[in-house]
Amino acid sequence: MAQLQRSHAYPRPLVTQVLALGGFHLAEAYHQNYLALHQTNPYIVSHDLPKLAQLRQRFPTLYRVLP
């Protein structure tokens, strides 16, 4: 969070509260690797791919493509 604030990646301050994770449950199988399996889905194309491109541009040393 501090790194994002310092980078001025967003025009306004971040207001997300970061808390310890209370538990984790895997999503159903059809949700796994959704972006990789549905890259032409209209939601993925209009929302997720532009966000990923922006992250890759702003944080090139931190961004990596997972297999």
C-alpha atoms as a PDB file:
ATOM      1  CA  MET A   1       0.000   0.000   0.000  1.00  0.00           C
ATOM      2  CA  ALA A   2       2.763   2.421   0.922  1.00  0.00           C
ATOM      3  CA  GLN A   3       4.555   1.755  -2.368  1.00  0.00           C
ATOM      4  CA  LEU A   4       1.372   2.468  -4.327  1.00  0.00           C
ATOM      5  CA  GLN A   5       0.832   5.696  -2.400  1.00  0.00           C
ATOM      6  CA  ARG A   6       4.414   6.827  -3.061  1.00  0.00           C
ATOM      7  CA  SER A   7       4.194   5.974  -6.747  1.00  0.00           C
ATOM      8  CA  HIS A   8       1.155   8.224  -7.238  1.00  0.00           C
ATOM      9  CA  ALA A   9      -0.325   5.477  -9.411  1.00  0.00           C
ATOM     10  CA  TYR A  10      -3.775   6.761  -8.536  1.00  0.00           C
ATOM     11  CA  PRO A  11      -4.885  10.401  -8.421  1.00  0.00           C
ATOM     12  CA  ARG A  12      -6.539  10.115  -4.999  1.00  0.00           C
ATOM     13  CA  PRO A  13      -5.391   8.405  -1.783  1.00  0.00           C
ATOM     14  CA  LEU A  14      -6.069   4.692  -1.402  1.00  0.00           C
ATOM     15  CA  VAL A  15      -8.741   3.921   1.159  1.00  0.00           C
ATOM     16  CA  THR A  16      -8.577   0.131   1.171  1.00  0.00           C
ATOM     17  CA  GLN A  17      -8.248  -1.386   4.611  1.00  0.00           C
ATOM     18  CA  VAL A  18      -5.735  -4.250   4.771  1.00  0.00           C
ATOM     19  CA  LEU A  19      -6.570  -6.903   7.373  1.00  0.00           C
ATOM     20  CA  ALA A  20      -5.276 -10.346   8.239  1.00  0.00           C
ATOM     21  CA  LEU A  21      -6.967 -13.093   6.237  1.00  0.00           C
ATOM     22  CA  GLY A  22      -9.428 -15.004   8.394  1.00  0.00           C
ATOM     23  CA  GLY A  23      -9.642 -18.006   6.077  1.00  0.00           C
ATOM     24  CA  PHE A  24      -9.516 -19.036   2.450  1.00  0.00           C
ATOM     25  CA  HIS A  25     -11.723 -21.283   0.341  1.00  0.00           C
ATOM     26  CA  LEU A  26     -10.938 -22.325  -3.197  1.00  0.00           C
ATOM     27  CA  ALA A  27     -13.472 -21.293  -5.794  1.00  0.00           C
ATOM     28  CA  GLU A  28     -15.212 -23.849  -7.949  1.00  0.00           C
ATOM     29  CA  ALA A  29     -13.150 -25.404 -10.737  1.00  0.00           C
ATOM     30  CA  TYR A  30     -14.828 -23.373 -13.502  1.00  0.00           C
ATOM     31  CA  HIS A  31     -13.549 -20.169 -11.852  1.00  0.00           C
ATOM     32  CA  GLN A  32      -9.918 -21.306 -11.840  1.00  0.00           C
ATOM     33  CA  ASN A  33      -7.705 -19.579 -14.469  1.00  0.00           C
ATOM     34  CA  TYR A  34     -10.774 -17.751 -15.757  1.00  0.00           C
ATOM     35  CA  LEU A  35      -8.853 -14.952 -17.452  1.00  0.00           C
ATOM     36  CA  ALA A  36      -6.461 -17.334 -19.202  1.00  0.00           C
ATOM     37  CA  LEU A  37      -9.350 -19.474 -20.440  1.00  0.00           C
ATOM     38  CA  HIS A  38     -11.712 -16.631 -21.422  1.00  0.00           C
ATOM     39  CA  GLN A  39      -9.556 -13.856 -22.889  1.00  0.00           C
ATOM     40  CA  THR A  40     -12.273 -12.875 -25.387  1.00  0.00           C
ATOM     41  CA  ASN A  41     -14.990 -12.534 -22.729  1.00  0.00           C
ATOM     42  CA  PRO A  42     -16.376  -8.970 -23.005  1.00  0.00           C
ATOM     43  CA  TYR A  43     -15.860  -8.279 -19.287  1.00  0.00           C
ATOM     44  CA  ILE A  44     -12.253  -9.523 -19.410  1.00  0.00           C
ATOM     45  CA  VAL A  45     -11.530  -7.467 -22.553  1.00  0.00           C
ATOM     46  CA  SER A  46     -13.079  -4.240 -21.265  1.00  0.00           C
ATOM     47  CA  HIS A  47     -12.096  -4.395 -17.584  1.00  0.00           C
ATOM     48  CA  ASP A  48      -9.342  -6.840 -16.719  1.00  0.00           C
ATOM     49  CA  LEU A  49      -6.961  -6.633 -19.678  1.00  0.00           C
ATOM     50  CA  PRO A  50      -6.669  -2.822 -19.514  1.00  0.00           C
ATOM     51  CA  LYS A  51      -6.014  -3.008 -15.755  1.00  0.00           C
ATOM     52  CA  LEU A  52      -3.315  -5.618 -16.273  1.00  0.00           C
ATOM     53  CA  ALA A  53      -1.704  -3.515 -18.997  1.00  0.00           C
ATOM     54  CA  GLN A  54      -1.685  -0.518 -16.658  1.00  0.00           C
ATOM     55  CA  LEU A  55      -0.103  -2.552 -13.856  1.00  0.00           C
ATOM     56  CA  ARG A  56       2.545  -3.897 -16.236  1.00  0.00           C
ATOM     57  CA  GLN A  57       3.364  -0.346 -17.372  1.00  0.00           C
ATOM     58  CA  ARG A  58       3.470   1.226 -13.907  1.00  0.00           C
ATOM     59  CA  PHE A  59       5.242  -1.589 -12.066  1.00  0.00           C
ATOM     60  CA  PRO A  60       7.382  -3.421 -14.646  1.00  0.00           C
ATOM     61  CA  THR A  61       9.768  -4.863 -12.058  1.00  0.00           C
ATOM     62  CA  LEU A  62       6.914  -6.328 -10.019  1.00  0.00           C
ATOM     63  CA  TYR A  63       4.694  -7.552 -12.827  1.00  0.00           C
ATOM     64  CA  ARG A  64       5.093 -11.121 -14.019  1.00  0.00           C
ATOM     65  CA  VAL A  65       2.996 -13.446 -16.111  1.00  0.00           C
ATOM     66  CA  LEU A  66       2.241 -16.651 -14.277  1.00  0.00           C
ATOM     67  CA  PRO A  67       2.162 -19.905 -16.258  1.00  0.00           C
END
